[in-house]
C-alpha atoms as a PDB file:
ATOM      1  CA  UNK A   1     115.058 -45.382  -9.265  1.00  0.00           C
ATOM      2  CA  UNK A   2     114.579 -49.022 -10.199  1.00  0.00           C
ATOM      3  CA  UNK A   3     114.913 -50.308 -13.793  1.00  0.00           C
ATOM      4  CA  UNK A   4     113.763 -53.750 -14.988  1.00  0.00           C
ATOM      5  CA  UNK A   5     114.333 -55.319 -18.419  1.00  0.00           C
ATOM      6  CA  UNK A   6     110.936 -56.395 -19.748  1.00  0.00           C
ATOM      7  CA  UNK A   7     111.606 -57.892 -23.163  1.00  0.00           C
ATOM      8  CA  UNK A   8     114.424 -58.523 -25.621  1.00  0.00           C
ATOM      9  CA  UNK A   9     113.543 -58.227 -29.307  1.00  0.00           C
ATOM     10  CA  UNK A  10     116.136 -58.117 -32.119  1.00  0.00           C
ATOM     11  CA  UNK A  11     118.754 -56.349 -30.008  1.00  0.00           C
ATOM     12  CA  UNK A  12     116.308 -53.761 -28.663  1.00  0.00           C
ATOM     13  CA  UNK A  13     115.394 -54.034 -25.006  1.00  0.00           C
ATOM     14  CA  UNK A  14     112.332 -52.618 -23.318  1.00  0.00           C
ATOM     15  CA  UNK A  15     112.824 -51.263 -19.805  1.00  0.00           C
ATOM     16  CA  UNK A  16     110.382 -50.575 -16.999  1.00  0.00           C
ATOM     17  CA  UNK A  17     111.642 -47.538 -15.079  1.00  0.00           C
ATOM     18  CA  UNK A  18     110.204 -47.023 -11.589  1.00  0.00           C
ATOM     19  CA  UNK A  19     110.360 -43.651  -9.858  1.00  0.00           C
ATOM     20  CA  UNK A  20     108.419 -41.326  -7.601  1.00  0.00           C
ATOM     21  CA  UNK A  21     106.575 -38.153  -8.613  1.00  0.00           C
ATOM     22  CA  UNK A  22     105.444 -35.700  -5.942  1.00  0.00           C
ATOM     23  CA  UNK A  23     102.254 -34.101  -7.134  1.00  0.00           C
ATOM     24  CA  UNK A  24     100.409 -31.746  -4.765  1.00  0.00           C
ATOM     25  CA  UNK A  25      96.690 -31.563  -5.569  1.00  0.00           C
ATOM     26  CA  UNK A  26      93.698 -29.501  -4.502  1.00  0.00           C
ATOM     27  CA  UNK A  27      89.984 -30.226  -4.443  1.00  0.00           C
ATOM     28  CA  UNK A  28      86.995 -27.984  -3.733  1.00  0.00           C
ATOM     29  CA  UNK A  29      84.528 -28.973  -0.999  1.00  0.00           C
ATOM     30  CA  UNK A  30      81.558 -27.058   0.354  1.00  0.00           C
ATOM     31  CA  UNK A  31      81.331 -26.950   4.147  1.00  0.00           C
ATOM     32  CA  UNK A  32      80.106 -24.834   7.050  1.00  0.00           C
ATOM     33  CA  UNK A  33      83.487 -24.673   8.775  1.00  0.00           C
ATOM     34  CA  UNK A  34      87.076 -25.880   8.593  1.00  0.00           C
ATOM     35  CA  UNK A  35      86.318 -29.071  10.510  1.00  0.00           C
ATOM     36  CA  UNK A  36      83.606 -30.129   8.092  1.00  0.00           C
ATOM     37  CA  UNK A  37      85.786 -29.153   5.112  1.00  0.00           C
ATOM     38  CA  UNK A  38      88.693 -31.208   6.434  1.00  0.00           C
ATOM     39  CA  UNK A  39      86.427 -34.198   7.092  1.00  0.00           C
ATOM     40  CA  UNK A  40      84.874 -34.054   3.607  1.00  0.00           C
ATOM     41  CA  UNK A  41      88.272 -33.737   1.943  1.00  0.00           C
ATOM     42  CA  UNK A  42      89.704 -36.639   3.946  1.00  0.00           C
ATOM     43  CA  UNK A  43      86.718 -38.785   2.932  1.00  0.00           C
ATOM     44  CA  UNK A  44      87.235 -37.982  -0.758  1.00  0.00           C
ATOM     45  CA  UNK A  45      91.008 -38.426  -0.972  1.00  0.00           C
ATOM     46  CA  UNK A  46      91.661 -41.093   1.635  1.00  0.00           C
ATOM     47  CA  UNK A  47      93.645 -44.165   0.636  1.00  0.00           C
ATOM     48  CA  UNK A  48      90.533 -46.263   1.341  1.00  0.00           C
ATOM     49  CA  UNK A  49      88.198 -44.115  -0.775  1.00  0.00           C
ATOM     50  CA  UNK A  50      90.318 -44.107  -3.927  1.00  0.00           C
ATOM     51  CA  UNK A  51      90.033 -47.300  -5.948  1.00  0.00           C
ATOM     52  CA  UNK A  52      92.528 -46.415  -8.683  1.00  0.00           C
ATOM     53  CA  UNK A  53      94.681 -43.436  -9.654  1.00  0.00           C
ATOM     54  CA  UNK A  54      95.484 -42.320 -13.205  1.00  0.00           C
ATOM     55  CA  UNK A  55      98.209 -39.903 -14.249  1.00  0.00           C
ATOM     56  CA  UNK A  56      98.846 -38.234 -17.609  1.00  0.00           C
ATOM     57  CA  UNK A  57     101.694 -35.904 -18.543  1.00  0.00           C
ATOM     58  CA  UNK A  58     101.674 -33.540 -21.517  1.00  0.00           C
ATOM     59  CA  UNK A  59     105.342 -33.034 -22.365  1.00  0.00           C
ATOM     60  CA  UNK A  60     106.759 -29.802 -23.768  1.00  0.00           C
ATOM     61  CA  UNK A  61     107.336 -31.535 -27.133  1.00  0.00           C
ATOM     62  CA  UNK A  62     103.601 -32.353 -27.364  1.00  0.00           C
ATOM     63  CA  UNK A  63     103.945 -36.037 -26.514  1.00  0.00           C
ATOM     64  CA  UNK A  64     101.597 -37.524 -23.932  1.00  0.00           C
ATOM     65  CA  UNK A  65     102.670 -40.240 -21.502  1.00  0.00           C
ATOM     66  CA  UNK A  66     100.488 -42.044 -18.986  1.00  0.00           C
ATOM     67  CA  UNK A  67     102.701 -43.842 -16.493  1.00  0.00           C
ATOM     68  CA  UNK A  68     101.342 -46.753 -14.499  1.00  0.00           C
ATOM     69  CA  UNK A  69     100.576 -45.718 -10.905  1.00  0.00           C
ATOM     70  CA  UNK A  70     102.032 -48.459  -8.697  1.00  0.00           C
ATOM     71  CA  UNK A  71     101.084 -47.010  -5.327  1.00  0.00           C
ATOM     72  CA  UNK A  72      99.749 -43.797  -3.830  1.00  0.00           C
ATOM     73  CA  UNK A  73      99.074 -42.155  -0.506  1.00  0.00           C
ATOM     74  CA  UNK A  74      97.022 -39.096   0.369  1.00  0.00           C
ATOM     75  CA  UNK A  75      97.435 -36.534   3.116  1.00  0.00           C
ATOM     76  CA  UNK A  76      95.501 -33.323   3.799  1.00  0.00           C
ATOM     77  CA  UNK A  77      98.061 -30.608   4.592  1.00  0.00           C
ATOM     78  CA  UNK A  78      95.951 -27.461   4.834  1.00  0.00           C
ATOM     79  CA  UNK A  79      92.461 -26.151   4.170  1.00  0.00           C
ATOM     80  CA  UNK A  80      91.833 -22.704   2.703  1.00  0.00           C
ATOM     81  CA  UNK A  81      88.705 -20.589   2.352  1.00  0.00           C
ATOM     82  CA  UNK A  82      88.520 -18.312  -0.699  1.00  0.00           C
ATOM     83  CA  UNK A  83      85.642 -16.278   0.678  1.00  0.00           C
ATOM     84  CA  UNK A  84      87.550 -15.182   3.778  1.00  0.00           C
ATOM     85  CA  UNK A  85      91.048 -15.427   2.310  1.00  0.00           C
ATOM     86  CA  UNK A  86      91.993 -17.778   5.152  1.00  0.00           C
ATOM     87  CA  UNK A  87      94.238 -20.800   5.222  1.00  0.00           C
ATOM     88  CA  UNK A  88      94.483 -23.393   7.975  1.00  0.00           C
ATOM     89  CA  UNK A  89      97.398 -25.802   8.269  1.00  0.00           C
ATOM     90  CA  UNK A  90      96.463 -29.305   9.430  1.00  0.00           C
ATOM     91  CA  UNK A  91      98.870 -30.638  12.062  1.00  0.00           C
END
């Protein structure tokens, strides 16, 4: 974790705290087979397709924080099919 002092104001300092959050996601795509589904998903969540990422956390105390996303990467790990109760791991 990296911490930077941003501003000093009347004895109070503001800090920028940098960290990493792992956040698995899922999207729904319609396809004829696993190959088409994988291709469509890779097109939608590729690093080149995504212009900007936003993140918002609702904390247990009701507060909402929206950290700045400094970088991101996307990787398709597996593709599942609800209709056939199948799951395919991408290697």
